Amino acid sequence: MKFTGKILRKPFAPGSKSEHLAFILETASGDLVLRRQGANPFDNSWLNDYVGKKAEVTGTLQDYVLFVSGITLAED
């Protein structure tokens, strides 16, 4: 599946034990948490270079988590 939006770093699950700053793809239809398949969900530093940029993200969607297989920067 492909989704287009802006990659941001935002609080996720505030007030819960899972609360942390997550990498989010902000799309027209809602926010998706970005994660690499099989990787530690709290170590997504590989996404730092994409923060604040519009991108097309390819991956597998499971609930609200998009397991990323590819990212292509989009033109604004």
PDB file of N, CA and C in Angstrom:
ATOM      1  N   MET A   1       0.839  -1.178   0.000  1.00  0.00           N
ATOM      2  CA  MET A   1       0.000   0.000   0.000  1.00  0.00           C
ATOM      3  C   MET A   1       0.885   1.242   0.000  1.00  0.00           C
ATOM      4  N   LYS A   2       0.381   2.305  -0.629  1.00  0.00           N
ATOM      5  CA  LYS A   2       1.102   3.570  -0.675  1.00  0.00           C
ATOM      6  C   LYS A   2       0.284   4.655   0.001  1.00  0.00           C
ATOM      7  N   PHE A   3       0.970   5.460   0.795  1.00  0.00           N
ATOM      8  CA  PHE A   3       0.349   6.581   1.495  1.00  0.00           C
ATOM      9  C   PHE A   3       1.215   7.810   1.292  1.00  0.00           C
ATOM     10  N   THR A   4       0.572   8.954   1.106  1.00  0.00           N
ATOM     11  CA  THR A   4       1.288  10.205   0.944  1.00  0.00           C
ATOM     12  C   THR A   4       0.931  11.130   2.092  1.00  0.00           C
ATOM     13  N   GLY A   5       1.949  11.783   2.628  1.00  0.00           N
ATOM     14  CA  GLY A   5       1.722  12.722   3.714  1.00  0.00           C
ATOM     15  C   GLY A   5       3.026  13.327   4.182  1.00  0.00           C
ATOM     16  N   LYS A   6       2.952  13.981   5.324  1.00  0.00           N
ATOM     17  CA  LYS A   6       4.112  14.634   5.909  1.00  0.00           C
ATOM     18  C   LYS A   6       4.603  13.800   7.085  1.00  0.00           C
ATOM     19  N   ILE A   7       5.908  13.556   7.142  1.00  0.00           N
ATOM     20  CA  ILE A   7       6.491  12.784   8.230  1.00  0.00           C
ATOM     21  C   ILE A   7       6.827  13.738   9.371  1.00  0.00           C
ATOM     22  N   LEU A   8       6.306  13.427  10.549  1.00  0.00           N
ATOM     23  CA  LEU A   8       6.484  14.264  11.728  1.00  0.00           C
ATOM     24  C   LEU A   8       6.920  13.419  12.907  1.00  0.00           C
ATOM     25  N   ARG A   9       7.392  14.085  13.942  1.00  0.00           N
ATOM     26  CA  ARG A   9       7.698  13.416  15.216  1.00  0.00           C
ATOM     27  C   ARG A   9       6.718  13.983  16.220  1.00  0.00           C
ATOM     28  N   LYS A  10       5.788  13.152  16.706  1.00  0.00           N
ATOM     29  CA  LYS A  10       4.705  13.610  17.576  1.00  0.00           C
ATOM     30  C   LYS A  10       4.528  12.656  18.757  1.00  0.00           C
ATOM     31  N   PRO A  11       3.928  13.157  19.858  1.00  0.00           N
ATOM     32  CA  PRO A  11       3.622  12.268  20.980  1.00  0.00           C
ATOM     33  C   PRO A  11       2.613  11.197  20.547  1.00  0.00           C
ATOM     34  N   PHE A  12       2.845   9.982  21.031  1.00  0.00           N
ATOM     35  CA  PHE A  12       1.955   8.868  20.738  1.00  0.00           C
ATOM     36  C   PHE A  12       1.459   8.287  22.053  1.00  0.00           C
ATOM     37  N   ALA A  13       0.184   8.001  22.148  1.00  0.00           N
ATOM     38  CA  ALA A  13      -0.455   7.382  23.311  1.00  0.00           C
ATOM     39  C   ALA A  13      -0.185   8.136  24.608  1.00  0.00           C
ATOM     40  N   PRO A  14      -0.440   9.468  24.621  1.00  0.00           N
ATOM     41  CA  PRO A  14      -0.177  10.229  25.842  1.00  0.00           C
ATOM     42  C   PRO A  14      -0.973   9.699  27.033  1.00  0.00           C
ATOM     43  N   GLY A  15      -0.305   9.648  28.184  1.00  0.00           N
ATOM     44  CA  GLY A  15      -0.947   9.192  29.408  1.00  0.00           C
ATOM     45  C   GLY A  15      -0.936   7.684  29.610  1.00  0.00           C
ATOM     46  N   SER A  16      -0.415   6.942  28.641  1.00  0.00           N
ATOM     47  CA  SER A  16      -0.374   5.482  28.775  1.00  0.00           C
ATOM     48  C   SER A  16       1.060   5.017  29.012  1.00  0.00           C
ATOM     49  N   LYS A  17       1.223   3.729  29.288  1.00  0.00           N
ATOM     50  CA  LYS A  17       2.569   3.170  29.452  1.00  0.00           C
ATOM     51  C   LYS A  17       3.338   3.181  28.128  1.00  0.00           C
ATOM     52  N   SER A  18       2.622   3.300  27.021  1.00  0.00           N
ATOM     53  CA  SER A  18       3.251   3.301  25.698  1.00  0.00           C
ATOM     54  C   SER A  18       3.621   4.702  25.217  1.00  0.00           C
ATOM     55  N   GLU A  19       3.412   5.695  26.050  1.00  0.00           N
ATOM     56  CA  GLU A  19       3.657   7.077  25.629  1.00  0.00           C
ATOM     57  C   GLU A  19       5.117   7.268  25.208  1.00  0.00           C
ATOM     58  N   HIS A  20       5.300   7.836  24.028  1.00  0.00           N
ATOM     59  CA  HIS A  20       6.634   8.182  23.518  1.00  0.00           C
ATOM     60  C   HIS A  20       6.480   9.086  22.307  1.00  0.00           C
ATOM     61  N   LEU A  21       7.585   9.681  21.885  1.00  0.00           N
ATOM     62  CA  LEU A  21       7.581  10.454  20.648  1.00  0.00           C
ATOM     63  C   LEU A  21       7.721   9.454  19.507  1.00  0.00           C
ATOM     64  N   ALA A  22       6.767   9.471  18.614  1.00  0.00           N
ATOM     65  CA  ALA A  22       6.765   8.515  17.505  1.00  0.00           C
ATOM     66  C   ALA A  22       6.913   9.247  16.184  1.00  0.00           C
ATOM     67  N   PHE A  23       7.408   8.527  15.201  1.00  0.00           N
ATOM     68  CA  PHE A  23       7.436   9.046  13.842  1.00  0.00           C
ATOM     69  C   PHE A  23       6.068   8.752  13.239  1.00  0.00           C
ATOM     70  N   ILE A  24       5.427   9.805  12.741  1.00  0.00           N
ATOM     71  CA  ILE A  24       4.054   9.740  12.253  1.00  0.00           C
ATOM     72  C   ILE A  24       4.018  10.179  10.792  1.00  0.00           C
ATOM     73  N   LEU A  25       3.207   9.502   9.998  1.00  0.00           N
ATOM     74  CA  LEU A  25       2.888   9.987   8.665  1.00  0.00           C
ATOM     75  C   LEU A  25       1.520  10.630   8.773  1.00  0.00           C
ATOM     76  N   GLU A  26       1.490  11.942   8.621  1.00  0.00           N
ATOM     77  CA  GLU A  26       0.246  12.701   8.717  1.00  0.00           C
ATOM     78  C   GLU A  26      -0.384  12.731   7.328  1.00  0.00           C
ATOM     79  N   THR A  27      -1.497  11.999   7.166  1.00  0.00           N
ATOM     80  CA  THR A  27      -2.174  11.915   5.875  1.00  0.00           C
ATOM     81  C   THR A  27      -3.514  12.640   5.953  1.00  0.00           C
ATOM     82  N   ALA A  28      -4.141  12.823   4.816  1.00  0.00           N
ATOM     83  CA  ALA A  28      -5.454  13.477   4.763  1.00  0.00           C
ATOM     84  C   ALA A  28      -6.510  12.673   5.518  1.00  0.00           C
ATOM     85  N   SER A  29      -6.318  11.368   5.629  1.00  0.00           N
ATOM     86  CA  SER A  29      -7.311  10.522   6.305  1.00  0.00           C
ATOM     87  C   SER A  29      -6.901  10.127   7.727  1.00  0.00           C
ATOM     88  N   GLY A  30      -5.820  10.692   8.246  1.00  0.00           N
ATOM     89  CA  GLY A  30      -5.417  10.411   9.618  1.00  0.00           C
ATOM     90  C   GLY A  30      -3.937  10.109   9.756  1.00  0.00           C
ATOM     91  N   ASP A  31      -3.498  10.018  11.005  1.00  0.00           N
ATOM     92  CA  ASP A  31      -2.090   9.759  11.305  1.00  0.00           C
ATOM     93  C   ASP A  31      -1.798   8.271  11.352  1.00  0.00           C
ATOM     94  N   LEU A  32      -0.616   7.899  10.840  1.00  0.00           N
ATOM     95  CA  LEU A  32      -0.142   6.521  10.891  1.00  0.00           C
ATOM     96  C   LEU A  32       1.221   6.508  11.564  1.00  0.00           C
ATOM     97  N   VAL A  33       1.426   5.578  12.488  1.00  0.00           N
ATOM     98  CA  VAL A  33       2.723   5.415  13.131  1.00  0.00           C
ATOM     99  C   VAL A  33       3.625   4.652  12.163  1.00  0.00           C
ATOM    100  N   LEU A  34       4.836   5.167  11.953  1.00  0.00           N
ATOM    101  CA  LEU A  34       5.774   4.525  11.039  1.00  0.00           C
ATOM    102  C   LEU A  34       6.727   3.625  11.816  1.00  0.00           C
ATOM    103  N   ARG A  35       6.934   2.441  11.287  1.00  0.00           N
ATOM    104  CA  ARG A  35       7.812   1.478  11.944  1.00  0.00           C
ATOM    105  C   ARG A  35       8.426   0.579  10.880  1.00  0.00           C
ATOM    106  N   ARG A  36       9.640   0.163  11.096  1.00  0.00           N
ATOM    107  CA  ARG A  36      10.289  -0.784  10.186  1.00  0.00           C
ATOM    108  C   ARG A  36       9.946  -2.202  10.654  1.00  0.00           C
ATOM    109  N   GLN A  37       9.557  -3.055   9.735  1.00  0.00           N
ATOM    110  CA  GLN A  37       9.172  -4.436  10.051  1.00  0.00           C
ATOM    111  C   GLN A  37      10.276  -5.141  10.831  1.00  0.00           C
ATOM    112  N   GLY A  38       9.931  -5.719  11.978  1.00  0.00           N
ATOM    113  CA  GLY A  38      10.884  -6.493  12.760  1.00  0.00           C
ATOM    114  C   GLY A  38      11.869  -5.678  13.575  1.00  0.00           C
ATOM    115  N   ALA A  39      11.763  -4.347  13.524  1.00  0.00           N
ATOM    116  CA  ALA A  39      12.711  -3.490  14.242  1.00  0.00           C
ATOM    117  C   ALA A  39      12.146  -3.068  15.594  1.00  0.00           C
ATOM    118  N   ASN A  40      13.016  -2.608  16.450  1.00  0.00           N
ATOM    119  CA  ASN A  40      12.619  -2.083  17.747  1.00  0.00           C
ATOM    120  C   ASN A  40      11.715  -0.869  17.522  1.00  0.00           C
ATOM    121  N   PRO A  41      10.487  -0.855  18.049  1.00  0.00           N
ATOM    122  CA  PRO A  41       9.568   0.259  17.795  1.00  0.00           C
ATOM    123  C   PRO A  41      10.015   1.583  18.411  1.00  0.00           C
ATOM    124  N   PHE A  42      10.975   1.536  19.327  1.00  0.00           N
ATOM    125  CA  PHE A  42      11.458   2.761  19.953  1.00  0.00           C
ATOM    126  C   PHE A  42      12.770   3.242  19.346  1.00  0.00           C
ATOM    127  N   ASP A  43      13.273   2.576  18.320  1.00  0.00           N
ATOM    128  CA  ASP A  43      14.514   2.980  17.666  1.00  0.00           C
ATOM    129  C   ASP A  43      14.276   3.147  16.167  1.00  0.00           C
ATOM    130  N   ASN A  44      13.675   4.260  15.830  1.00  0.00           N
ATOM    131  CA  ASN A  44      13.410   4.560  14.425  1.00  0.00           C
ATOM    132  C   ASN A  44      14.220   5.761  13.969  1.00  0.00           C
ATOM    133  N   SER A  45      15.454   5.865  14.483  1.00  0.00           N
ATOM    134  CA  SER A  45      16.298   7.020  14.163  1.00  0.00           C
ATOM    135  C   SER A  45      16.585   7.137  12.664  1.00  0.00           C
ATOM    136  N   TRP A  46      16.425   6.073  11.927  1.00  0.00           N
ATOM    137  CA  TRP A  46      16.638   6.109  10.480  1.00  0.00           C
ATOM    138  C   TRP A  46      15.643   7.046   9.797  1.00  0.00           C
ATOM    139  N   LEU A  47      14.556   7.421  10.498  1.00  0.00           N
ATOM    140  CA  LEU A  47      13.554   8.328   9.924  1.00  0.00           C
ATOM    141  C   LEU A  47      13.866   9.807  10.184  1.00  0.00           C
ATOM    142  N   ASN A  48      14.895  10.102  10.976  1.00  0.00           N
ATOM    143  CA  ASN A  48      15.204  11.497  11.327  1.00  0.00           C
ATOM    144  C   ASN A  48      15.365  12.410  10.114  1.00  0.00           C
ATOM    145  N   ASP A  49      15.982  11.924   9.053  1.00  0.00           N
ATOM    146  CA  ASP A  49      16.221  12.752   7.866  1.00  0.00           C
ATOM    147  C   ASP A  49      14.944  13.111   7.113  1.00  0.00           C
ATOM    148  N   TYR A  50      13.857  12.424   7.407  1.00  0.00           N
ATOM    149  CA  TYR A  50      12.592  12.651   6.698  1.00  0.00           C
ATOM    150  C   TYR A  50      11.627  13.575   7.445  1.00  0.00           C
ATOM    151  N   VAL A  51      11.916  13.888   8.695  1.00  0.00           N
ATOM    152  CA  VAL A  51      11.005  14.691   9.510  1.00  0.00           C
ATOM    153  C   VAL A  51      10.778  16.063   8.876  1.00  0.00           C
ATOM    154  N   GLY A  52       9.497  16.426   8.774  1.00  0.00           N
ATOM    155  CA  GLY A  52       9.113  17.708   8.197  1.00  0.00           C
ATOM    156  C   GLY A  52       8.975  17.692   6.684  1.00  0.00           C
ATOM    157  N   LYS A  53       9.189  16.543   6.078  1.00  0.00           N
ATOM    158  CA  LYS A  53       9.140  16.449   4.611  1.00  0.00           C
ATOM    159  C   LYS A  53       7.926  15.655   4.154  1.00  0.00           C
ATOM    160  N   LYS A  54       7.424  16.029   2.991  1.00  0.00           N
ATOM    161  CA  LYS A  54       6.320  15.306   2.366  1.00  0.00           C
ATOM    162  C   LYS A  54       6.909  14.087   1.662  1.00  0.00           C
ATOM    163  N   ALA A  55       6.250  12.937   1.838  1.00  0.00           N
ATOM    164  CA  ALA A  55       6.780  11.706   1.269  1.00  0.00           C
ATOM    165  C   ALA A  55       5.670  10.762   0.865  1.00  0.00           C
ATOM    166  N   GLU A  56       6.024   9.861  -0.033  1.00  0.00           N
ATOM    167  CA  GLU A  56       5.163   8.733  -0.386  1.00  0.00           C
ATOM    168  C   GLU A  56       5.785   7.520   0.296  1.00  0.00           C
ATOM    169  N   VAL A  57       5.022   6.892   1.176  1.00  0.00           N
ATOM    170  CA  VAL A  57       5.534   5.776   1.967  1.00  0.00           C
ATOM    171  C   VAL A  57       4.810   4.502   1.548  1.00  0.00           C
ATOM    172  N   THR A  58       5.583   3.487   1.251  1.00  0.00           N
ATOM    173  CA  THR A  58       5.059   2.183   0.862  1.00  0.00           C
ATOM    174  C   THR A  58       5.263   1.214   2.016  1.00  0.00           C
ATOM    175  N   GLY A  59       4.254   0.392   2.272  1.00  0.00           N
ATOM    176  CA  GLY A  59       4.398  -0.590   3.332  1.00  0.00           C
ATOM    177  C   GLY A  59       3.114  -1.353   3.586  1.00  0.00           C
ATOM    178  N   THR A  60       3.100  -2.055   4.694  1.00  0.00           N
ATOM    179  CA  THR A  60       1.963  -2.862   5.103  1.00  0.00           C
ATOM    180  C   THR A  60       1.282  -2.194   6.288  1.00  0.00           C
ATOM    181  N   LEU A  61      -0.014  -1.957   6.172  1.00  0.00           N
ATOM    182  CA  LEU A  61      -0.776  -1.300   7.227  1.00  0.00           C
ATOM    183  C   LEU A  61      -1.398  -2.341   8.139  1.00  0.00           C
ATOM    184  N   GLN A  62      -1.158  -2.175   9.447  1.00  0.00           N
ATOM    185  CA  GLN A  62      -1.764  -3.043  10.450  1.00  0.00           C
ATOM    186  C   GLN A  62      -2.320  -2.130  11.536  1.00  0.00           C
ATOM    187  N   ASP A  63      -3.638  -2.002  11.584  1.00  0.00           N
ATOM    188  CA  ASP A  63      -4.321  -1.054  12.466  1.00  0.00           C
ATOM    189  C   ASP A  63      -3.841   0.358  12.140  1.00  0.00           C
ATOM    190  N   TYR A  64      -3.143   1.012  13.057  1.00  0.00           N
ATOM    191  CA  TYR A  64      -2.666   2.387  12.866  1.00  0.00           C
ATOM    192  C   TYR A  64      -1.158   2.438  12.600  1.00  0.00           C
ATOM    193  N   VAL A  65      -0.514   1.263  12.455  1.00  0.00           N
ATOM    194  CA  VAL A  65       0.931   1.194  12.238  1.00  0.00           C
ATOM    195  C   VAL A  65       1.212   0.845  10.779  1.00  0.00           C
ATOM    196  N   LEU A  66       2.064   1.648  10.155  1.00  0.00           N
ATOM    197  CA  LEU A  66       2.497   1.381   8.785  1.00  0.00           C
ATOM    198  C   LEU A  66       3.923   0.827   8.859  1.00  0.00           C
ATOM    199  N   PHE A  67       4.067  -0.451   8.529  1.00  0.00           N
ATOM    200  CA  PHE A  67       5.382  -1.079   8.495  1.00  0.00           C
ATOM    201  C   PHE A  67       6.024  -0.736   7.159  1.00  0.00           C
ATOM    202  N   VAL A  68       7.025   0.109   7.215  1.00  0.00           N
ATOM    203  CA  VAL A  68       7.610   0.753   6.033  1.00  0.00           C
ATOM    204  C   VAL A  68       8.506  -0.183   5.260  1.00  0.00           C
ATOM    205  N   SER A  69       8.291  -0.220   3.929  1.00  0.00           N
ATOM    206  CA  SER A  69       9.196  -0.941   3.047  1.00  0.00           C
ATOM    207  C   SER A  69       9.936   0.015   2.113  1.00  0.00           C
ATOM    208  N   GLY A  70       9.421   1.235   1.969  1.00  0.00           N
ATOM    209  CA  GLY A  70      10.097   2.225   1.130  1.00  0.00           C
ATOM    210  C   GLY A  70       9.548   3.631   1.328  1.00  0.00           C
ATOM    211  N   ILE A  71      10.430   4.607   1.125  1.00  0.00           N
ATOM    212  CA  ILE A  71      10.031   6.019   1.226  1.00  0.00           C
ATOM    213  C   ILE A  71      10.610   6.774   0.044  1.00  0.00           C
ATOM    214  N   THR A  72       9.753   7.560  -0.604  1.00  0.00           N
ATOM    215  CA  THR A  72      10.173   8.441  -1.684  1.00  0.00           C
ATOM    216  C   THR A  72       9.730   9.841  -1.332  1.00  0.00           C
ATOM    217  N   LEU A  73      10.671  10.777  -1.320  1.00  0.00           N
ATOM    218  CA  LEU A  73      10.296  12.161  -1.025  1.00  0.00           C
ATOM    219  C   LEU A  73       9.435  12.707  -2.149  1.00  0.00           C
ATOM    220  N   ALA A  74       8.417  13.456  -1.785  1.00  0.00           N
ATOM    221  CA  ALA A  74       7.483  14.034  -2.752  1.00  0.00           C
ATOM    222  C   ALA A  74       7.753  15.520  -2.895  1.00  0.00           C
ATOM    223  N   GLU A  75       7.333  16.067  -4.006  1.00  0.00           N
ATOM    224  CA  GLU A  75       7.462  17.503  -4.222  1.00  0.00           C
ATOM    225  C   GLU A  75       6.353  18.208  -3.471  1.00  0.00           C
ATOM    226  N   ASP A  76       6.662  19.355  -2.882  1.00  0.00           N
ATOM    227  CA  ASP A  76       5.643  20.126  -2.142  1.00  0.00           C
ATOM    228  C   ASP A  76       4.637  20.760  -3.046  1.00  0.00           C
TER     229      ASP A  76
END
